Amino acid sequence: MRINSSDLTSISREKSLRCDCVYHVLVKERRDLVQDFYPFSELFDLVEEKIECTDIQGSFMYCQIGDVEKDGTVSPVTLNFDERSLLDENYYRKIEKGDVMRVDQGDILMSFLLPQDENILGKFTRIGKKEKEILFSTAFIRLQAKKHPQILYYSLQSLFYRDLIYTARIRKGYTGYATLSKEDLKEIRFQRELVDLLFAQHEILEKSIADLENQIHILNKKLLSEQSIIDAVFEREFHFDYGKFEEMKAHKVYALPHARFSDNPDLRFGAKYHRPAGSFVMEQLKGISDKKIKHFLSEPIALGASISPGDFDESGEAYYVSMATIKTFEVVLDDTQLVSSAYFHAKKSKTLLKGDILMARSGVAIGKTAIVRENFQGIFADFTMRIRFDPAKCSPLFAYYYLRSKYFQYLIEIFKKGLQNQNIFPIVMQELPIPDVSLKKQLQIVKKIQTKIQKQNHLKDQIGSLRSQIYNLIKSTVESPLSDQSLPDRTTQEES
């Protein structure tokens, strides 16, 4: 433990009266070492170009922080307000609230959220010829380098990354992350000696970086999303006609006889429910088998448990598994969501076991699905449902991939109910179709999907290795005690 002190005069010099220890100790130490420096404004411009939702016409590409990989690869979604779908509803709502901006070629984008662990890189991307057509979330900070943008882009992620971390502010609500504002960025000092060394060798550096980037580009062209892998395997194994499905989805005007509105138990009149594309999906799935999800369950689908603030306990041993926990299609436990022993034992019927499938049943994330891969003590949240398949009849992994497939997710879109708060209920879920194939066939399909995913992970590892070479190239170009100096870990600081 390290104890430091700062006087009130020192704290008052900062415009927003920051009184966090990291800023007043680590940043001050850094500044004492950097007397000759380039101010932020001499190397970068901060740019903001918001657009109005009404200015967006037809199909467009949109990218938020979650759509950028750790290596800077951008995977935007294609949207169209005239073809609004449930699966992308979260994107549409953000855009309608003004969370959208244009970018230009050469721009550097960085997330305003940075991991508190300086060994974990935040989200960065550089805008190229293709990316300039994409609309981005305003959660990115948009920079324009005034010279040698390629070098400065990688320097922010390596040589000067610690400065970004130390300048960022820890804020409630962003567990494990610190927030970096545009005003905070302006206070960063870039050691002149290091920057001059980089710029003096810019020709050699830029050529070497370009060679490595070209290798990365070749590998990126081979990358496939996990979703596309799942869909491709199911399409091939069950002869799904995705071409006709997409064509039918594009039809916005269709006529139905009155009798069609009476062929469901609750007399649903919604246009979405009666879409021909939905009927087509049902016909294709029923053509495989007449079995439904309920025929493969080991117990009825269960809804999760609600919770009160007093039920949380930071020293607890069980987790509250909310919708936020499954946002990456995996159950990612959050140590800030620990619950008391009393709450856990009172909600024992809402626990999770290895092989359980958890699905969001409400809100804009309806249908988002995760599987429990390891046993742990946890209570799943209200607004989610637990689907427990009988492993003697259905492989949990096969069911997990099937529930994530394009066809099944479309069924959720047409069967969900509600105006403002939309839901899909267990009584509906259990009646939806599922392919009835042998366990051997199920496991073969799972293996094909996992083999392809593993190949993609190997490609990502190769890309990560090449990017590390770029970072090392930047660091090895400069020779300075400051660049190698180990400053105290922010997590060990205590203010006195």
Foldseek 3Di string as FASTA:
>chain_A
DDEDADDQVQQVVDPVSDDDPLQSPVVVVLCVVFPAFDFPVNWKDWDFAFDAPVVDAAKAWEFEQVQADQLQDGDTDIDHPVLDFLLCVVVVVQVNVRFKGADDAQKKKFAQKAFLPLVRFGHIHGHHPVNRRHIYTPRITIMHTPPLSVLVNLCCRFLCVVVQSSLFADDPPRPRIGGHDPVSSRRDTHRPQLVVLCVVCVVVLVVLLVVLVVVLVVLVVVFDDLQVLLQVLCCVVLVDDVVVLVVQSPDDDDDDDPVVQVPDDVSDDDPLLVRPSLVSLQVSLVVQDQAFQLVFAPDAKFFFAADDPVFADLPAFEFEFEPVQCPVQERNTDSRGHGHPVVLVVQVVQWDAALKKKAQFKDSRGLRIHGRHHDGHYGYHGRMIITHGDCQQARSLLVSSVSSHPSNVSNSRNQWDDDHMIGDDSVNRRNGGDRRDDPVVSVVSSVSSVVVVVVSVVSVVVSVVSSVVSSVVSLVSDDDCSSPDDDDSPVPYDYD
